[in-house]
């Protein structure tokens, strides 16, 4: 009988290329992963890895095992979730969630309060990861649920073993000091309104910087960018201290207090947020309860517009090099 843990270790080594990286992902030492692989080789009677420079490569037998591994893991997960579902359907145990930072702040944090009341036996463990990494973690079995956003209008590529559901539409507003001239505008701001004002914005390569560049795409002059800051709380501190403007997603926005205000944009920047999980875990009471809580949160947030696209996320031709929030 093949050891399931050893098979999971081989799958991770195949995806990441070295024993050390696989060990980091699985939470083991490299020596422990090596012992798991050796035990697997003893069980099947043939080598599954061969050295290649500083890394390793799969043998033909190792490739055959890794190709078959998803079916094994899915069958085992279906067995587990079937047993939990027929017991009493109550969410319990630990749900491992991988999410980008602003989803953890704006979606998961308020959802935890709802889950604590309705599902007292469920513990949610959150790890901050970018969308591509979060999807990999779910596909590899080191996370159960991922919250991911699209990148420049393109959905993150979804592995075939995963499924997804739209849970939120995040939009961006311009934040400014209450004394700023634009604070008196009672209509959504246009690119012309924003021209000539100084800004703090997220660094190039981020979704929010892409939003920012689009604001000025039709204007002849480049915007006056005074500061490049990735942390939104720091951006707001500079808005208050230096009189600059900031384009901030609502999921990422801390309370503005009395000195700052936000104003909507005529061309509203949006990004779609999806939850993704393994198809074999469809019956998981924990995942179902968490999705239900996320949907209730969305329904209770009237400022969130309807999704621009329906359905889940699927394979895309490409993605941004960095998709941090």
Protein backbone atom coordinates (compact mmCIF):
# COMPACT_ATOMS: atom_id res chain seq x y z
CA UNK A 1 0.00 0.00 0.00
CA UNK A 2 1.40 3.39 -0.98
CA UNK A 3 1.85 5.87 1.85
CA UNK A 4 -0.39 8.88 1.14
CA UNK A 5 1.93 11.32 2.91
CA UNK A 6 4.86 10.13 0.81
CA UNK A 7 2.80 10.52 -2.35
CA UNK A 8 1.92 14.09 -1.29
CA UNK A 9 5.63 14.78 -0.73
CA UNK A 10 6.50 13.50 -4.20
CA UNK A 11 3.81 15.69 -5.74
CA UNK A 12 5.23 18.73 -3.99
CA UNK A 13 8.79 17.92 -5.08
CA UNK A 14 7.56 17.55 -8.66
CA UNK A 15 5.88 20.96 -8.54
CA UNK A 16 8.68 22.87 -6.80
CA UNK A 17 11.82 21.12 -8.11
CA UNK A 18 13.77 20.57 -4.89
CA UNK A 19 13.39 18.69 -1.63
CA UNK A 20 14.03 21.89 0.33
CA UNK A 21 11.21 23.82 -1.32
CA UNK A 22 8.83 20.91 -0.91
CA UNK A 23 9.80 20.68 2.76
CA UNK A 24 9.01 24.38 3.26
CA UNK A 25 5.60 23.99 1.66
CA UNK A 26 4.72 20.87 3.65
CA UNK A 27 6.11 22.09 6.96
CA UNK A 28 8.75 19.34 7.25
CA UNK A 29 12.51 19.23 7.13
CA UNK A 30 14.26 18.31 3.88
CA UNK A 31 15.52 15.15 5.61
CA UNK A 32 11.97 14.13 6.49
CA UNK A 33 10.79 14.62 2.92
CA UNK A 34 13.78 12.62 1.66
CA UNK A 35 12.85 9.77 4.01
CA UNK A 36 9.25 9.87 2.76
CA UNK A 37 10.44 9.61 -0.84
CA UNK A 38 12.75 6.70 0.03
CA UNK A 39 9.89 4.93 1.78
CA UNK A 40 7.74 5.42 -1.33
CA UNK A 41 10.47 3.95 -3.52
CA UNK A 42 10.67 0.93 -1.21
CA UNK A 43 6.91 0.45 -1.42
CA UNK A 44 6.75 0.45 -5.22
CA UNK A 45 10.20 -1.07 -5.82
CA UNK A 46 11.57 1.48 -8.31
CA UNK A 47 13.23 4.94 -8.06
CA UNK A 48 10.93 7.94 -8.43
CA UNK A 49 13.56 10.72 -8.32
CA UNK A 50 16.94 11.28 -9.96
CA UNK A 51 19.51 14.01 -9.20
CA UNK A 52 19.73 16.95 -11.62
CA UNK A 53 22.29 19.58 -10.69
CA UNK A 54 21.24 21.09 -7.39
CA UNK A 55 17.71 19.79 -7.77
CA UNK A 56 15.95 16.59 -8.70
CA UNK A 57 13.80 15.34 -11.56
CA UNK A 58 11.14 12.68 -11.73
CA UNK A 59 11.89 9.32 -13.23
CA UNK A 60 9.34 7.80 -15.60
CA UNK A 61 7.87 5.90 -12.65
CA UNK A 62 7.76 9.07 -10.56
CA UNK A 63 5.96 10.91 -13.36
CA UNK A 64 3.37 8.14 -13.58
CA UNK A 65 2.77 8.36 -9.83
CA UNK A 66 2.41 12.15 -9.83
CA UNK A 67 0.02 12.02 -12.81
CA UNK A 68 -2.21 9.61 -10.89
CA UNK A 69 -1.90 11.38 -7.52
CA UNK A 70 -4.77 13.89 -7.95
CA UNK A 71 -7.28 11.06 -8.44
CA UNK A 72 -6.04 9.41 -5.25
CA UNK A 73 -6.25 12.59 -3.18
CA UNK A 74 -9.67 13.49 -4.55
CA UNK A 75 -11.04 10.02 -3.78
CA UNK A 76 -9.71 10.19 -0.22
CA UNK A 77 -11.13 13.68 0.28
CA UNK A 78 -14.53 12.63 -1.05
CA UNK A 79 -14.55 9.76 1.43
CA UNK A 80 -13.73 12.09 4.31
CA UNK A 81 -16.29 14.72 3.36
CA UNK A 82 -18.98 12.10 2.77
CA UNK A 83 -18.44 10.78 6.28
CA UNK A 84 -18.60 14.27 7.77
CA UNK A 85 -21.70 15.18 5.79
CA UNK A 86 -23.72 12.14 6.79
CA UNK A 87 -22.72 12.50 10.45
CA UNK A 88 -24.54 15.75 11.21
CA UNK A 89 -23.31 18.25 8.62
CA UNK A 90 -21.90 20.54 11.29
CA UNK A 91 -18.71 22.40 10.32
CA UNK A 92 -15.87 21.46 12.64
CA UNK A 93 -12.12 21.08 12.71
CA UNK A 94 -9.70 23.48 10.99
CA UNK A 95 -10.28 25.19 7.65
CA UNK A 96 -7.03 26.43 6.07
CA UNK A 97 -7.62 29.55 3.99
CA UNK A 98 -5.05 31.23 1.71
CA UNK A 99 -5.95 34.81 0.78
CA UNK A 100 -4.43 38.05 -0.49
CA UNK A 101 -3.98 40.66 2.21
CA UNK A 102 -6.96 42.92 1.60
CA UNK A 103 -9.33 39.96 1.32
CA UNK A 104 -8.09 38.79 4.71
CA UNK A 105 -8.80 42.25 6.11
CA UNK A 106 -12.03 43.16 4.35
CA UNK A 107 -13.71 39.77 3.83
CA UNK A 108 -12.32 37.10 6.14
CA UNK A 109 -12.03 39.20 9.29
CA UNK A 110 -15.76 40.10 9.38
CA UNK A 111 -16.65 36.57 8.24
CA UNK A 112 -14.82 35.08 11.24
CA UNK A 113 -17.24 36.88 13.55
CA UNK A 114 -20.22 35.30 11.79
CA UNK A 115 -18.62 31.85 11.80
CA UNK A 116 -17.74 32.06 15.49
CA UNK A 117 -21.44 32.50 16.27
CA UNK A 118 -22.90 29.96 13.86
CA UNK A 119 -20.08 27.39 13.77
CA UNK A 120 -18.42 27.31 17.21
CA UNK A 121 -16.55 24.06 16.47
CA UNK A 122 -14.90 25.43 13.32
CA UNK A 123 -11.45 27.01 13.48
CA UNK A 124 -10.25 29.07 10.50
CA UNK A 125 -6.50 29.39 9.90
CA UNK A 126 -5.58 32.20 7.45
CA UNK A 127 -2.32 32.49 5.50
CA UNK A 128 -1.57 35.54 3.35
CA UNK A 129 -0.66 34.50 -0.20
CA UNK A 130 -0.87 36.04 -3.66
CA UNK A 131 -3.52 34.52 -5.95
CA UNK A 132 -1.24 32.19 -7.93
CA UNK A 133 0.40 30.88 -4.76
CA UNK A 134 -2.96 30.48 -3.02
CA UNK A 135 -4.35 28.41 -5.89
CA UNK A 136 -1.23 26.25 -5.86
CA UNK A 137 -1.62 25.69 -2.12
CA UNK A 138 -5.21 24.52 -2.53
CA UNK A 139 -4.32 22.27 -5.48
CA UNK A 140 -1.39 20.82 -3.50
CA UNK A 141 -3.56 20.18 -0.44
CA UNK A 142 -1.75 22.57 1.93
CA UNK A 143 -4.80 24.88 1.99
CA UNK A 144 -8.51 24.11 1.72
CA UNK A 145 -9.90 27.38 0.38
CA UNK A 146 -8.36 30.30 -1.52
CA UNK A 147 -9.57 33.86 -1.98
CA UNK A 148 -8.11 35.31 -5.19
CA UNK A 149 -8.68 38.35 -7.36
CA UNK A 150 -8.33 38.93 -11.07
CA UNK A 151 -5.26 40.64 -12.46
CA UNK A 152 -5.79 43.50 -14.89
CA UNK A 153 -9.16 42.03 -15.86
CA UNK A 154 -7.75 38.53 -16.39
CA UNK A 155 -8.80 35.79 -13.98
CA UNK A 156 -6.06 33.75 -12.32
CA UNK A 157 -5.49 30.41 -14.14
CA UNK A 158 -7.52 27.76 -12.33
CA UNK A 159 -6.09 24.21 -12.07
CA UNK A 160 -8.55 21.58 -13.41
CA UNK A 161 -8.92 19.98 -9.96
CA UNK A 162 -10.35 23.20 -8.50
CA UNK A 163 -13.71 24.94 -8.77
CA UNK A 164 -14.65 28.48 -7.80
CA UNK A 165 -17.41 30.96 -7.01
CA UNK A 166 -17.62 34.74 -7.14
CA UNK A 167 -17.83 36.21 -3.64
CA UNK A 168 -17.20 39.96 -3.98
CA UNK A 169 -16.59 42.88 -6.30
CA UNK A 170 -14.04 45.30 -4.89
CA UNK A 171 -13.97 48.88 -6.15
CA UNK A 172 -11.53 51.78 -5.78
CA UNK A 173 -12.19 55.32 -4.54
CA UNK A 174 -10.01 58.41 -4.30
CA UNK A 175 -9.15 59.34 -0.72
CA UNK A 176 -8.19 62.91 0.18
CA UNK A 177 -8.04 65.32 3.07
CA UNK A 178 -11.38 66.87 3.98
CA UNK A 179 -9.82 70.27 3.18
CA UNK A 180 -8.70 69.23 -0.34
CA UNK A 181 -10.39 71.17 -3.20
CA UNK A 182 -11.79 67.94 -4.70
CA UNK A 183 -13.54 67.07 -1.43
CA UNK A 184 -16.30 69.54 -2.31
CA UNK A 185 -17.21 67.68 -5.53
CA UNK A 186 -20.63 66.06 -5.37
CA UNK A 187 -20.22 64.18 -8.67
CA UNK A 188 -17.95 61.21 -9.46
CA UNK A 189 -14.44 62.40 -10.31
CA UNK A 190 -13.10 62.27 -13.87
CA UNK A 191 -9.52 62.13 -15.12
CA UNK A 192 -9.73 65.82 -15.89
CA UNK A 193 -10.72 66.56 -12.29
CA UNK A 194 -7.68 64.63 -11.04
CA UNK A 195 -5.11 66.19 -13.37
CA UNK A 196 -2.55 68.43 -11.72
CA UNK A 197 -2.91 67.00 -8.22
CA UNK A 198 -0.17 65.14 -6.35
CA UNK A 199 -0.51 61.44 -5.50
CA UNK A 200 0.67 58.58 -3.37
CA UNK A 201 0.14 55.27 -5.14
CA UNK A 202 1.00 51.59 -4.97
CA UNK A 203 4.23 50.48 -6.70
CA UNK A 204 4.25 49.45 -10.38
CA UNK A 205 3.19 45.85 -10.98
CA UNK A 206 0.33 45.92 -8.47
CA UNK A 207 -3.35 45.89 -9.40
CA UNK A 208 -3.87 49.26 -7.73
CA UNK A 209 -1.07 50.85 -9.78
CA UNK A 210 -2.73 49.52 -12.93
CA UNK A 211 -5.97 51.16 -11.77
CA UNK A 212 -4.07 54.39 -11.17
CA UNK A 213 -2.43 54.45 -14.62
CA UNK A 214 -5.81 53.99 -16.31
CA UNK A 215 -7.13 57.15 -14.63
CA UNK A 216 -4.67 59.18 -16.70
CA UNK A 217 -4.53 57.07 -19.86
CA UNK A 218 -6.40 59.69 -21.93
CA UNK A 219 -4.56 62.73 -20.55
CA UNK A 220 -1.43 64.20 -22.20
CA UNK A 221 0.55 64.86 -19.01
CA UNK A 222 1.89 62.22 -16.63
CA UNK A 223 0.45 62.31 -13.11
CA UNK A 224 2.43 63.90 -10.28
CA UNK A 225 3.41 60.86 -8.18
CA UNK A 226 5.11 62.00 -4.97
CA UNK A 227 5.22 58.68 -3.12
CA UNK A 228 5.22 54.94 -4.00
CA UNK A 229 3.92 53.02 -0.98
CA UNK A 230 2.52 49.49 -0.86
CA UNK A 231 0.86 49.72 2.56
CA UNK A 232 -2.54 51.44 2.44
CA UNK A 233 -2.46 52.64 6.04
CA UNK A 234 0.81 54.42 5.25
CA UNK A 235 -0.74 55.88 2.11
CA UNK A 236 -3.55 57.38 4.19
CA UNK A 237 -1.05 58.80 6.66
CA UNK A 238 0.64 60.61 3.76
CA UNK A 239 -2.73 61.79 2.44
CA UNK A 240 -3.37 63.41 5.81
CA UNK A 241 0.14 64.81 6.25
CA UNK A 242 1.11 65.85 2.71
CA UNK A 243 -2.18 66.71 1.02
CA UNK A 244 -1.75 64.08 -1.70
CA UNK A 245 -4.48 61.89 -3.19
CA UNK A 246 -4.62 58.08 -2.99
CA UNK A 247 -6.57 55.47 -4.95
CA UNK A 248 -7.58 52.84 -2.40
CA UNK A 249 -9.68 49.65 -2.79
CA UNK A 250 -12.59 49.55 -0.36
CA UNK A 251 -11.49 46.15 0.94
CA UNK A 252 -8.14 47.64 1.91
CA UNK A 253 -9.41 50.88 3.40
CA UNK A 254 -9.05 51.44 7.14
CA UNK A 255 -11.52 53.80 8.85
CA UNK A 256 -10.88 57.28 7.48
CA UNK A 257 -11.61 59.23 10.64
CA UNK A 258 -12.66 62.87 10.67
CA UNK A 259 -9.83 64.32 8.57
CA UNK A 260 -10.13 62.19 5.40
CA UNK A 261 -12.94 61.58 2.91
CA UNK A 262 -13.40 59.34 -0.12
CA UNK A 263 -14.91 60.24 -3.47
CA UNK A 264 -16.08 57.83 -6.22
CA UNK A 265 -14.72 57.82 -9.75
CA UNK A 266 -16.68 58.27 -12.96
CA UNK A 267 -14.95 55.18 -14.40
CA UNK A 268 -15.03 52.92 -11.37
CA UNK A 269 -12.02 50.57 -11.11
CA UNK A 270 -13.08 47.08 -10.06
CA UNK A 271 -11.62 43.68 -9.38
CA UNK A 272 -13.54 40.45 -8.92
CA UNK A 273 -12.83 38.25 -5.92
CA UNK A 274 -13.44 34.50 -6.10
CA UNK A 275 -13.23 31.64 -3.64
CA UNK A 276 -11.61 28.46 -4.98
CA UNK A 277 -11.49 24.95 -3.54
CA UNK A 278 -10.88 21.38 -4.66
CA UNK A 279 -13.79 19.80 -6.52
CA UNK A 280 -13.44 16.75 -4.29
CA UNK A 281 -14.24 18.95 -1.26
CA UNK A 282 -17.60 20.18 -2.58
CA UNK A 283 -19.41 18.43 0.28
CA UNK A 284 -17.22 19.94 3.00
CA UNK A 285 -19.46 21.47 5.69
CA UNK A 286 -16.65 23.88 6.62
CA UNK A 287 -16.25 25.19 3.08
CA UNK A 288 -20.00 25.46 2.58
CA UNK A 289 -20.44 27.38 5.83
CA UNK A 290 -17.61 29.77 4.97
CA UNK A 291 -18.95 30.42 1.47
CA UNK A 292 -22.41 31.07 2.92
CA UNK A 293 -20.94 33.56 5.41
CA UNK A 294 -19.03 35.32 2.62
CA UNK A 295 -22.21 35.59 0.55
CA UNK A 296 -24.16 37.00 3.49
CA UNK A 297 -21.42 39.56 3.97
CA UNK A 298 -21.64 40.53 0.29
CA UNK A 299 -25.44 40.84 0.47
CA UNK A 300 -25.13 43.07 3.53
CA UNK A 301 -22.73 45.45 1.72
CA UNK A 302 -24.89 47.66 -0.54
CA UNK A 303 -21.88 49.61 -1.86
CA UNK A 304 -20.53 46.55 -3.65
CA UNK A 305 -21.79 46.54 -7.28
CA UNK A 306 -22.92 43.42 -9.09
CA UNK A 307 -20.10 41.36 -10.61
CA UNK A 308 -19.07 42.48 -14.05
CA UNK A 309 -18.69 38.88 -15.11
CA UNK A 310 -20.68 35.86 -14.07
CA UNK A 311 -19.42 32.39 -13.29
CA UNK A 312 -16.15 31.21 -11.79
CA UNK A 313 -12.56 31.78 -12.67
CA UNK A 314 -10.99 29.69 -15.37
CA UNK A 315 -7.82 29.33 -17.40
CA UNK A 316 -6.53 32.57 -18.89
CA UNK A 317 -3.93 33.37 -21.49
CA UNK A 318 -1.75 35.27 -19.04
CA UNK A 319 -1.55 37.08 -15.77
CA UNK A 320 0.23 40.10 -14.31
CA UNK A 321 3.73 39.48 -13.01
CA UNK A 322 2.64 40.63 -9.55
CA UNK A 323 -0.93 40.49 -8.31
CA UNK A 324 -0.57 41.88 -4.83
CA UNK A 325 -3.43 43.98 -3.60
